[in-house]
Protein backbone atom coordinates (compact mmCIF):
# COMPACT_ATOMS: atom_id res chain seq x y z
CA UNK A 1 12.98 14.53 5.87
CA UNK A 2 11.02 12.52 7.80
CA UNK A 3 13.07 10.82 10.30
CA UNK A 4 10.48 8.45 11.71
CA UNK A 5 8.87 7.23 8.43
CA UNK A 6 12.59 6.70 7.50
CA UNK A 7 13.33 4.48 10.16
CA UNK A 8 9.81 2.82 9.59
CA UNK A 9 10.68 2.27 6.14
CA UNK A 10 14.23 0.87 7.26
CA UNK A 11 11.82 -1.54 9.35
CA UNK A 12 10.26 -2.93 6.21
CA UNK A 13 13.33 -3.00 4.12
CA UNK A 14 14.80 -5.32 7.02
CA UNK A 15 12.02 -7.22 6.99
CA UNK A 16 11.93 -7.74 3.33
CA UNK A 17 15.32 -8.64 3.45
CA UNK A 18 15.00 -11.00 6.20
CA UNK A 19 12.28 -12.30 3.56
CA UNK A 20 14.44 -12.57 0.50
CA UNK A 21 16.68 -15.03 1.99
CA UNK A 22 13.65 -17.51 2.38
CA UNK A 23 13.30 -19.90 0.06
CA UNK A 24 9.35 -19.98 -0.53
CA UNK A 25 7.71 -19.74 -4.15
CA UNK A 26 6.55 -15.71 -4.71
CA UNK A 27 4.05 -14.22 -7.27
CA UNK A 28 6.46 -11.21 -6.75
CA UNK A 29 10.05 -10.67 -6.52
CA UNK A 30 10.99 -8.95 -3.39
CA UNK A 31 12.47 -6.17 -5.27
CA UNK A 32 9.31 -4.85 -6.41
CA UNK A 33 7.69 -5.24 -2.92
CA UNK A 34 10.67 -2.94 -2.11
CA UNK A 35 9.64 -0.47 -4.86
CA UNK A 36 5.68 -0.74 -4.30
CA UNK A 37 5.88 -0.10 -1.00
CA UNK A 38 8.05 2.88 -1.27
CA UNK A 39 6.09 4.52 -4.51
CA UNK A 40 2.87 4.01 -2.36
CA UNK A 41 4.08 5.72 0.61
CA UNK A 42 5.19 8.64 -1.47
CA UNK A 43 1.67 8.57 -3.50
CA UNK A 44 -0.02 7.95 -0.47
CA UNK A 45 1.68 11.68 0.64
CA UNK A 46 0.45 13.46 -1.93
CA UNK A 47 -3.10 12.20 -2.06
CA UNK A 48 -3.07 12.41 1.87
CA UNK A 49 -1.86 15.97 1.47
CA UNK A 50 -4.50 16.51 -1.75
CA UNK A 51 -7.09 14.83 0.94
CA UNK A 52 -6.52 16.62 4.05
CA UNK A 53 -5.42 13.87 5.61
CA UNK A 54 -2.81 12.36 7.83
CA UNK A 55 0.28 12.08 5.53
CA UNK A 56 2.51 10.37 8.09
CA UNK A 57 -0.52 7.98 8.54
CA UNK A 58 -0.94 7.82 4.56
CA UNK A 59 2.18 6.69 4.05
CA UNK A 60 3.03 4.02 6.29
CA UNK A 61 -0.41 2.41 5.64
CA UNK A 62 0.63 2.68 2.00
CA UNK A 63 4.00 1.52 2.54
CA UNK A 64 2.22 -1.89 4.73
CA UNK A 65 -0.63 -2.85 2.44
CA UNK A 66 0.87 -5.90 0.78
CA UNK A 67 2.48 -7.30 3.88
CA UNK A 68 0.01 -10.53 3.59
CA UNK A 69 1.94 -10.90 0.20
CA UNK A 70 5.05 -10.28 1.83
CA UNK A 71 5.15 -13.11 3.68
CA UNK A 72 2.77 -15.31 1.93
CA UNK A 73 4.35 -14.90 -1.54
CA UNK A 74 1.26 -15.31 -2.78
CA UNK A 75 -1.49 -12.59 -4.24
CA UNK A 76 -4.56 -14.52 -3.47
CA UNK A 77 -6.10 -13.48 -0.32
CA UNK A 78 -3.09 -11.43 0.91
CA UNK A 79 -4.82 -8.27 1.57
CA UNK A 80 -6.49 -10.20 4.82
CA UNK A 81 -3.20 -12.20 5.36
CA UNK A 82 -1.92 -8.74 6.23
CA UNK A 83 -3.84 -8.62 8.82
CA UNK A 84 -1.29 -10.41 11.65
CA UNK A 85 1.71 -9.29 10.09
CA UNK A 86 0.68 -5.52 10.08
CA UNK A 87 -0.31 -5.78 13.88
CA UNK A 88 3.18 -7.28 15.00
CA UNK A 89 5.27 -4.20 12.65
CA UNK A 90 3.03 -1.73 14.06
CA UNK A 91 3.47 -3.34 17.80
CA UNK A 92 6.71 -1.45 18.27
CA UNK A 93 5.08 1.91 16.41
CA UNK A 94 4.87 4.85 18.51
CA UNK A 95 1.22 6.00 17.02
CA UNK A 96 -2.22 5.93 18.95
CA UNK A 97 -4.17 2.60 19.27
CA UNK A 98 -7.02 4.05 17.13
CA UNK A 99 -4.12 5.20 14.19
CA UNK A 100 -2.83 1.55 14.51
CA UNK A 101 -6.12 -0.07 14.01
CA UNK A 102 -6.96 2.53 11.27
CA UNK A 103 -3.73 1.62 9.15
CA UNK A 104 -4.68 -2.11 9.81
CA UNK A 105 -7.86 -2.32 8.36
CA UNK A 106 -6.66 -0.25 5.73
CA UNK A 107 -4.11 -3.15 4.85
CA UNK A 108 -7.04 -5.57 5.17
CA UNK A 109 -9.08 -4.04 2.88
CA UNK A 110 -7.36 -2.67 0.63
CA UNK A 111 -7.82 -4.97 -2.23
CA UNK A 112 -11.71 -4.71 -1.90
CA UNK A 113 -11.34 -1.90 -4.58
CA UNK A 114 -15.16 -2.14 -5.58
CA UNK A 115 -16.41 -1.18 -1.94
CA UNK A 116 -16.18 2.32 -0.50
CA UNK A 117 -14.60 2.18 2.65
CA UNK A 118 -12.73 4.78 5.37
CA UNK A 119 -10.86 7.55 4.13
CA UNK A 120 -7.65 6.00 4.68
CA UNK A 121 -8.64 2.68 3.05
CA UNK A 122 -9.84 4.68 -0.13
CA UNK A 123 -6.56 6.49 -0.09
CA UNK A 124 -4.43 3.50 0.25
CA UNK A 125 -6.81 1.56 -2.72
CA UNK A 126 -6.14 4.73 -5.05
CA UNK A 127 -2.26 4.55 -4.12
CA UNK A 128 -1.85 1.46 -5.17
CA UNK A 129 -3.48 1.05 -8.28
CA UNK A 130 -1.79 4.65 -9.23
CA UNK A 131 1.32 2.90 -8.38
CA UNK A 132 0.85 -0.37 -10.61
CA UNK A 133 -0.39 1.43 -13.48
CA UNK A 134 2.35 4.01 -13.31
CA UNK A 135 4.45 1.28 -12.90
CA UNK A 136 3.10 -0.72 -16.19
CA UNK A 137 0.60 -3.07 -14.59
CA UNK A 138 -2.28 -3.65 -17.03
CA UNK A 139 -5.13 -2.73 -15.55
CA UNK A 140 -8.39 -4.88 -16.49
CA UNK A 141 -10.60 -5.18 -14.02
CA UNK A 142 -13.70 -2.90 -14.60
CA UNK A 143 -13.63 -1.47 -11.32
CA UNK A 144 -9.88 -0.90 -10.84
CA UNK A 145 -9.94 0.90 -14.54
CA UNK A 146 -13.16 2.96 -13.09
CA UNK A 147 -10.92 3.77 -9.71
CA UNK A 148 -7.91 4.60 -11.85
CA UNK A 149 -9.53 6.85 -14.04
CA UNK A 150 -11.30 8.74 -10.81
CA UNK A 151 -7.91 8.93 -9.57
CA UNK A 152 -6.32 10.55 -12.95
CA UNK A 153 -8.78 12.62 -13.54
CA UNK A 154 -8.51 14.05 -9.49
CA UNK A 155 -4.83 14.72 -10.22
CA UNK A 156 -5.25 15.91 -13.49
CA UNK A 157 -3.54 13.62 -15.41
CA UNK A 158 -5.14 11.92 -18.60
CA UNK A 159 -5.91 8.16 -18.68
CA UNK A 160 -3.49 6.15 -21.05
CA UNK A 161 -4.08 2.64 -21.74
CA UNK A 162 -0.71 1.78 -22.45
CA UNK A 163 0.37 2.58 -18.51
């Protein structure tokens, strides 16, 4: 068990518990945010191992990628809105400044699925698409479908429109 990541995840859950007590309207319920953060982190670990990237960095970036939506409650522009919350969260984190900045950039850029970014950014985009697909979200944007199909092929899994 990765106790450092478990502690990071506990901090994430504590933040989400706090946000759940707020009375703002949300596009997604907090329970989804908990599930999505956790399962994206695990998918990120798998992809990182397959791609020879840092597994712990990938898991944390994937777990934090929707912080902007957690705080604002809204999907629109949530990726860039995640920068400041991610910076605050990572201020207490023990990793290097370079790694911290890579995670923050992955949070900011994860919605730009039609663009190619750094290996970590691409991993977060891919984990996000796979997780949404495997939880039954309909993937409709052409570049999202192309990314999903590419990732399923990379994993040796067939594409099924029903999810």
